[in-house]
Amino acid sequence: MDEAVALLPLDALHRELGGRMVAFAGYAMPIQYDGIIAEHNWTRTAAGLFDVSHMGQLTLPLGADVALETVLPGDITGLREGCLRYSMLLSPRGGILDDLMVTRRSGDIYLVVNGATKTADITHLAMSGLTVSHREDLALLALQGPKAVDALERLVPGVSELSFMRAGGFTWSDVPLWISRSGYTGEDGFEISVPAAAVEVLARALLAEPEVKPVGLGARDSLRLEAGLPLYGHDLTPDITPVEANLAFAISKRRKTEGGFPGAAIVLDQLFNSAARKRVGLRIEGRQPVREGAGVVVDGIKVGQVTSGGFGPALGAPIAMAYVPAALAADGTALHVDVRGRLLAATVVPMPFFPKSYVRQPLAKAGAAQ
């Protein structure tokens, strides 16, 4: 790790736990502790604790919702208090500048943006006339996995009543927390915003629960790949639009009618008349993983490119995401991937590769409704 990096509030704990540290998004971060596959499988069966404090936590005044709709395609004015919405900052040509989560809270609008782009995002929002507060006093943890709710409910009673994409304020040992039922692994779980000064004591308390182990960047990437979730800077860039990325669900119904967001003419034309290329999932024959940058080939001609790839531990097979011409994006389409001159057979398959397990309705209420 030669490049200059900043340290996260949990840096000492990561090293104490034996985390192998690497430079990522300008920070020293753990890529693994016990091994990527072990951490991946633990998160799929129990609960993995991720430090995502490198991500940007921003707040805007409540009245900024109208102006916020001028830079992204989501319905923010219609977002109810305590609800999250996935959205994207778009360029004038409809390219994705960043993807983010928006939450309406009682006193402000709360954004979580990518760590590598947060400075550019703040500048972009400010140049768009928005008043942004960067909450550098906060840390962010993600507790993911089917047993995350059991572990967190013991420490913070009431969190089990949240459903997917809902959030609320809680208190643990006099520490104020903002907790959402969300994440980027495809598993049920939570993201916990906590004052940086208290994050280590909270992380230690969570790790003391029998279901919880620390998980690094390596498993975070394999989990989100199996879930078919795109990663900014790889599957999403300023050259890719939401429709090409298969993220049209993030363009709210009202915005599809009204437009009024950057690149609306281009994006809506693609939405209603099809885009020239699409993000697809690929299942690779054999055991060899393919990596970002590998060409997608048909009849000896490169027609597309892999943007994420690896071995899916829960699937026991190599998988990838790629951009291909729309005519080749149908499920079942046979293709090849060029790995250093060796052509590997691949098939377009539906995503997610591994089923998501989001809790759309709290267990107590789900039981009452049956």
Protein backbone atom coordinates (compact mmCIF):
# COMPACT_ATOMS: atom_id res chain seq x y z
CA MET A 1 0.00 0.00 0.00
CA ASP A 2 2.34 2.68 -1.32
CA GLU A 3 -0.05 5.51 -2.15
CA ALA A 4 -1.04 8.09 0.45
CA VAL A 5 -4.33 7.14 2.05
CA ALA A 6 -6.57 8.46 4.80
CA LEU A 7 -7.44 6.39 7.85
CA LEU A 8 -10.99 5.46 8.80
CA PRO A 9 -12.17 5.68 12.42
CA LEU A 10 -11.98 1.88 12.67
CA ASP A 11 -8.47 1.59 11.24
CA ALA A 12 -6.93 0.35 14.50
CA LEU A 13 -9.70 -2.22 14.98
CA HIS A 14 -9.27 -3.55 11.44
CA ARG A 15 -5.57 -4.12 12.09
CA GLU A 16 -6.24 -5.61 15.54
CA LEU A 17 -8.63 -8.10 13.90
CA GLY A 18 -5.97 -9.09 11.37
CA GLY A 19 -7.44 -7.27 8.40
CA ARG A 20 -5.26 -7.22 5.29
CA MET A 21 -5.25 -3.52 4.43
CA VAL A 22 -5.30 -2.09 0.91
CA ALA A 23 -5.78 1.36 -0.61
CA PHE A 24 -9.37 1.87 -1.80
CA ALA A 25 -11.15 5.12 -2.66
CA GLY A 26 -8.38 7.08 -0.96
CA TYR A 27 -8.59 5.14 2.31
CA ALA A 28 -6.79 2.24 3.93
CA MET A 29 -9.42 -0.49 4.09
CA PRO A 30 -9.50 -4.21 4.90
CA ILE A 31 -9.84 -6.46 1.86
CA GLN A 32 -10.19 -9.61 3.98
CA TYR A 33 -9.72 -11.13 7.44
CA ASP A 34 -10.32 -14.90 7.30
CA GLY A 35 -10.48 -15.14 3.50
CA ILE A 36 -12.89 -13.87 0.89
CA ILE A 37 -14.80 -17.11 0.36
CA ALA A 38 -15.18 -17.76 4.10
CA GLU A 39 -16.41 -14.19 4.67
CA HIS A 40 -18.74 -14.41 1.68
CA ASN A 41 -20.33 -17.63 2.90
CA TRP A 42 -20.56 -16.34 6.47
CA THR A 43 -22.52 -13.32 5.25
CA ARG A 44 -24.82 -15.59 3.23
CA THR A 45 -25.61 -17.71 6.31
CA ALA A 46 -25.11 -15.44 9.36
CA ALA A 47 -24.11 -11.74 9.52
CA GLY A 48 -21.10 -9.87 8.15
CA LEU A 49 -20.02 -6.50 9.53
CA PHE A 50 -18.65 -4.14 6.87
CA ASP A 51 -16.97 -0.79 7.48
CA VAL A 52 -18.28 1.53 4.77
CA SER A 53 -17.26 4.76 6.46
CA HIS A 54 -15.42 5.82 3.31
CA MET A 55 -18.77 6.57 1.72
CA GLY A 56 -20.06 10.12 1.82
CA GLN A 57 -22.90 11.03 4.14
CA LEU A 58 -24.48 14.30 3.04
CA THR A 59 -27.44 16.30 4.30
CA LEU A 60 -29.52 18.91 2.49
CA PRO A 61 -32.36 21.10 3.75
CA LEU A 62 -35.84 19.61 3.38
CA GLY A 63 -36.72 22.32 0.89
CA ALA A 64 -33.97 21.11 -1.42
CA ASP A 65 -36.12 18.27 -2.75
CA VAL A 66 -37.36 20.29 -5.74
CA ALA A 67 -33.84 21.37 -6.71
CA LEU A 68 -32.55 17.82 -6.17
CA GLU A 69 -34.94 16.61 -8.86
CA THR A 70 -33.08 18.79 -11.37
CA VAL A 71 -29.93 16.64 -10.99
CA LEU A 72 -31.40 13.13 -10.69
CA PRO A 73 -34.42 11.21 -12.11
CA GLY A 74 -36.06 10.07 -8.88
CA ASP A 75 -39.30 11.31 -7.34
CA ILE A 76 -37.85 13.11 -4.33
CA THR A 77 -40.71 15.50 -3.66
CA GLY A 78 -42.99 12.46 -3.27
CA LEU A 79 -40.60 10.57 -1.01
CA ARG A 80 -42.21 9.93 2.37
CA GLU A 81 -40.42 10.53 5.67
CA GLY A 82 -38.32 7.54 6.72
CA CYS A 83 -38.22 6.10 3.19
CA LEU A 84 -35.13 5.53 1.02
CA ARG A 85 -34.88 5.77 -2.75
CA TYR A 86 -32.07 4.59 -5.03
CA SER A 87 -31.16 7.21 -7.62
CA MET A 88 -28.34 8.58 -9.76
CA LEU A 89 -26.71 11.92 -10.50
CA LEU A 90 -26.83 12.35 -14.26
CA SER A 91 -24.79 14.35 -16.77
CA PRO A 92 -26.40 16.55 -19.46
CA ARG A 93 -26.16 13.53 -21.80
CA GLY A 94 -27.79 11.21 -19.29
CA GLY A 95 -24.54 9.53 -18.21
CA ILE A 96 -24.29 8.32 -14.63
CA LEU A 97 -22.05 10.56 -12.51
CA ASP A 98 -22.75 8.54 -9.37
CA ASP A 99 -25.42 6.33 -7.85
CA LEU A 100 -26.71 7.10 -4.38
CA MET A 101 -29.39 6.59 -1.76
CA VAL A 102 -31.78 9.40 -0.82
CA THR A 103 -33.76 9.44 2.44
CA ARG A 104 -36.29 11.99 3.62
CA ARG A 105 -35.91 12.52 7.36
CA SER A 106 -37.93 14.73 9.69
CA GLY A 107 -35.39 17.54 9.55
CA ASP A 108 -33.41 17.07 6.34
CA ILE A 109 -32.71 15.04 3.24
CA TYR A 110 -29.94 12.49 3.75
CA LEU A 111 -27.75 11.19 0.92
CA VAL A 112 -25.23 8.35 0.94
CA VAL A 113 -22.84 8.58 -2.02
CA ASN A 114 -19.83 6.58 -3.17
CA GLY A 115 -16.53 7.20 -1.39
CA ALA A 116 -14.46 7.70 -4.53
CA THR A 117 -16.86 10.28 -5.97
CA LYS A 118 -18.09 12.14 -2.89
CA THR A 119 -15.92 15.22 -3.42
CA ALA A 120 -17.04 15.53 -7.05
CA ASP A 121 -20.65 14.91 -5.99
CA ILE A 122 -20.52 17.72 -3.43
CA THR A 123 -19.08 20.08 -6.04
CA HIS A 124 -21.70 19.02 -8.59
CA LEU A 125 -24.55 19.54 -6.13
CA ALA A 126 -23.18 22.91 -5.01
CA MET A 127 -22.82 24.08 -8.62
CA SER A 128 -26.45 23.07 -9.10
CA GLY A 129 -27.44 25.53 -6.37
CA LEU A 130 -27.86 23.02 -3.56
CA THR A 131 -26.60 23.62 -0.03
CA VAL A 132 -24.81 20.45 1.06
CA SER A 133 -23.40 19.51 4.44
CA HIS A 134 -20.77 16.76 4.39
CA ARG A 135 -21.14 14.87 7.65
CA GLU A 136 -17.52 13.92 8.20
CA ASP A 137 -18.33 13.50 11.88
CA LEU A 138 -20.22 10.29 11.09
CA ALA A 139 -19.11 6.73 10.37
CA LEU A 140 -21.13 4.09 8.53
CA LEU A 141 -21.41 0.36 9.21
CA ALA A 142 -23.26 -2.25 7.17
CA LEU A 143 -24.49 -5.37 8.95
CA GLN A 144 -25.60 -7.84 6.28
CA GLY A 145 -26.92 -11.38 6.27
CA PRO A 146 -29.96 -13.43 7.33
CA LYS A 147 -29.05 -13.22 11.03
CA ALA A 148 -28.23 -9.50 11.03
CA VAL A 149 -31.66 -8.70 12.37
CA ASP A 150 -31.20 -11.08 15.32
CA ALA A 151 -27.88 -9.54 16.33
CA LEU A 152 -28.91 -5.92 15.89
CA GLU A 153 -32.33 -6.31 17.53
CA ARG A 154 -30.61 -7.46 20.74
CA LEU A 155 -28.60 -4.23 20.87
CA VAL A 156 -31.15 -1.87 19.36
CA PRO A 157 -34.70 -3.05 20.05
CA GLY A 158 -37.15 -2.04 17.37
CA VAL A 159 -34.96 -2.33 14.28
CA SER A 160 -36.73 -5.56 13.28
CA GLU A 161 -39.84 -3.49 12.63
CA LEU A 162 -38.14 -1.74 9.73
CA SER A 163 -38.77 -3.18 6.28
CA PHE A 164 -36.56 -2.94 3.20
CA MET A 165 -35.80 0.66 2.22
CA ARG A 166 -37.18 2.08 5.46
CA ALA A 167 -35.16 3.91 8.10
CA GLY A 168 -35.42 5.58 11.45
CA GLY A 169 -33.58 7.13 14.36
CA PHE A 170 -32.57 4.91 17.29
CA THR A 171 -30.41 5.17 20.40
CA TRP A 172 -27.88 2.68 21.69
CA SER A 173 -26.07 3.37 25.00
CA ASP A 174 -26.98 7.05 24.65
CA VAL A 175 -25.44 7.09 21.15
CA PRO A 176 -27.79 8.40 18.44
CA LEU A 177 -28.01 6.10 15.41
CA TRP A 178 -29.67 6.43 12.04
CA ILE A 179 -30.49 2.92 10.80
CA SER A 180 -31.88 1.85 7.45
CA ARG A 181 -32.84 -1.65 6.35
CA SER A 182 -30.73 -1.64 3.23
CA GLY A 183 -27.33 -2.62 1.87
CA TYR A 184 -25.55 -3.75 -1.27
CA THR A 185 -25.05 -7.48 -0.83
CA GLY A 186 -28.49 -8.77 -1.82
CA GLU A 187 -28.98 -10.01 1.74
CA ASP A 188 -31.30 -8.66 4.36
CA GLY A 189 -29.44 -6.25 6.59
CA PHE A 190 -28.89 -2.75 7.86
CA GLU A 191 -26.76 0.31 7.34
CA ILE A 192 -25.97 2.14 10.57
CA SER A 193 -24.88 5.77 10.65
CA VAL A 194 -23.13 6.48 13.93
CA PRO A 195 -20.98 9.32 15.31
CA ALA A 196 -17.38 8.53 14.37
CA ALA A 197 -16.34 8.93 18.01
CA ALA A 198 -18.62 6.02 18.98
CA VAL A 199 -18.20 3.68 16.01
CA GLU A 200 -15.48 1.52 17.55
CA VAL A 201 -17.45 0.73 20.70
CA LEU A 202 -20.52 -0.07 18.58
CA ALA A 203 -18.49 -2.24 16.19
CA ARG A 204 -17.01 -4.16 19.12
CA ALA A 205 -20.50 -4.67 20.57
CA LEU A 206 -21.77 -6.02 17.27
CA LEU A 207 -18.75 -8.29 16.83
CA ALA A 208 -19.41 -9.70 20.30
CA GLU A 209 -22.72 -11.10 19.02
CA PRO A 210 -22.36 -14.77 17.99
CA GLU A 211 -23.79 -14.21 14.51
CA VAL A 212 -21.36 -11.43 13.54
CA LYS A 213 -17.90 -11.52 11.97
CA PRO A 214 -15.92 -8.76 10.22
CA VAL A 215 -15.97 -8.85 6.42
CA GLY A 216 -13.70 -7.02 3.99
CA LEU A 217 -13.89 -5.49 0.55
CA GLY A 218 -13.24 -8.77 -1.27
CA ALA A 219 -16.40 -10.46 -0.07
CA ARG A 220 -18.32 -7.21 -0.42
CA ASP A 221 -17.51 -7.33 -4.13
CA SER A 222 -18.35 -11.01 -4.64
CA LEU A 223 -21.64 -10.61 -2.75
CA ARG A 224 -22.80 -7.63 -4.78
CA LEU A 225 -21.74 -9.38 -8.00
CA GLU A 226 -23.86 -12.46 -7.17
CA ALA A 227 -26.71 -10.07 -6.37
CA GLY A 228 -26.36 -8.50 -9.82
CA LEU A 229 -25.75 -5.06 -8.32
CA PRO A 230 -23.64 -2.70 -10.45
CA LEU A 231 -20.59 -0.99 -8.98
CA TYR A 232 -19.85 2.63 -9.76
CA GLY A 233 -16.59 3.15 -11.64
CA HIS A 234 -16.89 -0.32 -13.16
CA ASP A 235 -20.43 -1.16 -14.28
CA LEU A 236 -21.58 2.46 -14.07
CA THR A 237 -19.70 5.43 -15.55
CA PRO A 238 -20.47 8.84 -17.10
CA ASP A 239 -20.59 7.06 -20.49
CA ILE A 240 -23.45 4.78 -19.43
CA THR A 241 -27.10 5.80 -19.03
CA PRO A 242 -29.62 4.33 -16.56
CA VAL A 243 -31.46 2.53 -19.37
CA GLU A 244 -28.28 0.94 -20.70
CA ALA A 245 -27.45 -0.13 -17.15
CA ASN A 246 -30.88 -1.74 -16.68
CA LEU A 247 -31.64 0.74 -13.90
CA ALA A 248 -34.75 2.25 -15.47
CA PHE A 249 -36.66 1.28 -12.30
CA ALA A 250 -34.92 4.23 -10.65
CA ILE A 251 -36.64 6.67 -13.02
CA SER A 252 -39.83 7.37 -11.12
CA LYS A 253 -43.17 7.13 -12.93
CA ARG A 254 -43.81 10.87 -12.66
CA ARG A 255 -40.35 11.73 -13.95
CA LYS A 256 -40.86 9.44 -16.96
CA THR A 257 -43.82 11.64 -17.86
CA GLU A 258 -42.51 15.02 -16.83
CA GLY A 259 -38.79 14.62 -17.57
CA GLY A 260 -36.89 17.64 -16.23
CA PHE A 261 -33.72 15.78 -15.25
CA PRO A 262 -30.31 15.94 -16.97
CA GLY A 263 -30.24 14.06 -20.26
CA ALA A 264 -33.98 13.38 -20.07
CA ALA A 265 -34.45 13.54 -23.85
CA ILE A 266 -31.77 10.89 -24.42
CA VAL A 267 -32.69 8.68 -21.47
CA LEU A 268 -36.44 8.70 -22.14
CA ASP A 269 -35.88 8.03 -25.85
CA GLN A 270 -33.84 4.96 -24.86
CA LEU A 271 -36.50 3.95 -22.35
CA PHE A 272 -39.37 4.04 -24.84
CA ASN A 273 -37.45 3.04 -28.01
CA SER A 274 -34.66 0.80 -26.60
CA ALA A 275 -31.02 1.54 -26.01
CA ALA A 276 -28.29 0.30 -28.35
CA ARG A 277 -26.57 -1.69 -25.59
CA LYS A 278 -27.57 -3.29 -22.31
CA ARG A 279 -25.95 -4.54 -19.11
CA VAL A 280 -26.40 -8.31 -18.90
CA GLY A 281 -25.40 -11.17 -16.67
CA LEU A 282 -23.12 -13.88 -18.05
CA ARG A 283 -22.65 -17.44 -16.82
CA ILE A 284 -19.22 -18.66 -17.90
CA GLU A 285 -18.65 -22.32 -18.75
CA GLY A 286 -15.87 -24.04 -16.81
CA ARG A 287 -14.21 -22.80 -13.64
CA GLN A 288 -12.03 -19.92 -14.84
CA PRO A 289 -13.22 -16.48 -13.70
CA VAL A 290 -13.22 -13.60 -16.15
CA ARG A 291 -12.28 -10.11 -15.08
CA GLU A 292 -13.21 -6.54 -15.90
CA GLY A 293 -12.00 -5.53 -19.36
CA ALA A 294 -12.37 -8.91 -21.04
CA GLY A 295 -13.96 -8.65 -24.48
CA VAL A 296 -17.31 -10.22 -25.34
CA VAL A 297 -16.99 -11.92 -28.73
CA VAL A 298 -19.43 -13.20 -31.37
CA ASP A 299 -18.15 -14.89 -34.54
CA GLY A 300 -14.66 -13.65 -33.82
CA ILE A 301 -15.71 -9.99 -33.49
CA LYS A 302 -15.61 -8.07 -30.21
CA VAL A 303 -19.14 -6.82 -29.54
CA GLY A 304 -18.98 -5.89 -25.88
CA GLN A 305 -16.95 -5.81 -22.69
CA VAL A 306 -17.03 -7.34 -19.23
CA THR A 307 -17.33 -4.70 -16.49
CA SER A 308 -17.34 -7.00 -13.45
CA GLY A 309 -16.42 -10.64 -13.13
CA GLY A 310 -15.32 -13.27 -10.71
CA PHE A 311 -16.12 -16.60 -9.13
CA GLY A 312 -19.46 -16.73 -7.34
CA PRO A 313 -18.75 -18.62 -4.08
CA ALA A 314 -22.41 -19.38 -3.39
CA LEU A 315 -22.92 -20.51 -6.99
CA GLY A 316 -19.72 -22.49 -7.41
CA ALA A 317 -19.25 -21.02 -10.88
CA PRO A 318 -17.73 -17.99 -12.63
CA ILE A 319 -20.12 -15.12 -13.42
CA ALA A 320 -19.80 -11.68 -14.94
CA MET A 321 -21.62 -8.52 -15.94
CA ALA A 322 -21.04 -7.07 -19.39
CA TYR A 323 -22.39 -4.53 -21.85
CA VAL A 324 -23.50 -6.05 -25.15
CA PRO A 325 -25.61 -4.86 -28.11
CA ALA A 326 -29.32 -4.92 -27.27
CA ALA A 327 -29.88 -7.54 -29.97
CA LEU A 328 -27.64 -9.92 -28.00
CA ALA A 329 -29.07 -9.16 -24.55
CA ALA A 330 -31.84 -11.76 -24.45
CA ASP A 331 -31.55 -14.52 -21.84
CA GLY A 332 -30.03 -17.66 -23.32
CA THR A 333 -27.93 -15.87 -25.93
CA ALA A 334 -24.66 -17.75 -26.51
CA LEU A 335 -21.48 -15.63 -26.56
CA HIS A 336 -17.77 -15.99 -25.90
CA VAL A 337 -15.49 -14.06 -23.58
CA ASP A 338 -11.89 -13.43 -24.60
CA VAL A 339 -9.51 -14.08 -21.70
CA ARG A 340 -6.00 -13.30 -22.92
CA GLY A 341 -6.67 -14.89 -26.30
CA ARG A 342 -8.60 -17.88 -24.96
CA LEU A 343 -12.30 -17.89 -25.83
CA LEU A 344 -14.57 -19.07 -23.01
CA ALA A 345 -18.18 -19.98 -23.77
CA ALA A 346 -20.75 -17.83 -21.96
CA THR A 347 -24.53 -17.51 -21.84
CA VAL A 348 -26.66 -14.47 -21.06
CA VAL A 349 -28.63 -15.27 -17.90
CA PRO A 350 -31.10 -13.33 -15.72
CA MET A 351 -29.85 -11.34 -12.75
CA PRO A 352 -29.55 -11.55 -9.83
CA PHE A 353 -27.35 -14.62 -10.09
CA PHE A 354 -28.18 -15.43 -6.44
CA PRO A 355 -31.68 -14.68 -5.06
CA LYS A 356 -32.01 -11.52 -2.99
CA SER A 357 -33.54 -11.89 0.45
CA TYR A 358 -34.82 -8.43 1.22
CA VAL A 359 -37.47 -8.22 3.93
CA ARG A 360 -40.27 -6.30 2.28
CA GLN A 361 -42.49 -6.58 5.32
CA PRO A 362 -41.43 -6.89 8.99
CA LEU A 363 -41.84 -10.40 10.35
CA ALA A 364 -44.35 -9.42 13.04
CA LYS A 365 -46.61 -7.66 10.56
CA ALA A 366 -46.15 -10.36 7.94
CA GLY A 367 -47.35 -12.93 10.46
CA ALA A 368 -50.35 -10.84 11.40
CA ALA A 369 -51.31 -10.52 7.75
CA GLN A 370 -51.36 -14.27 7.12
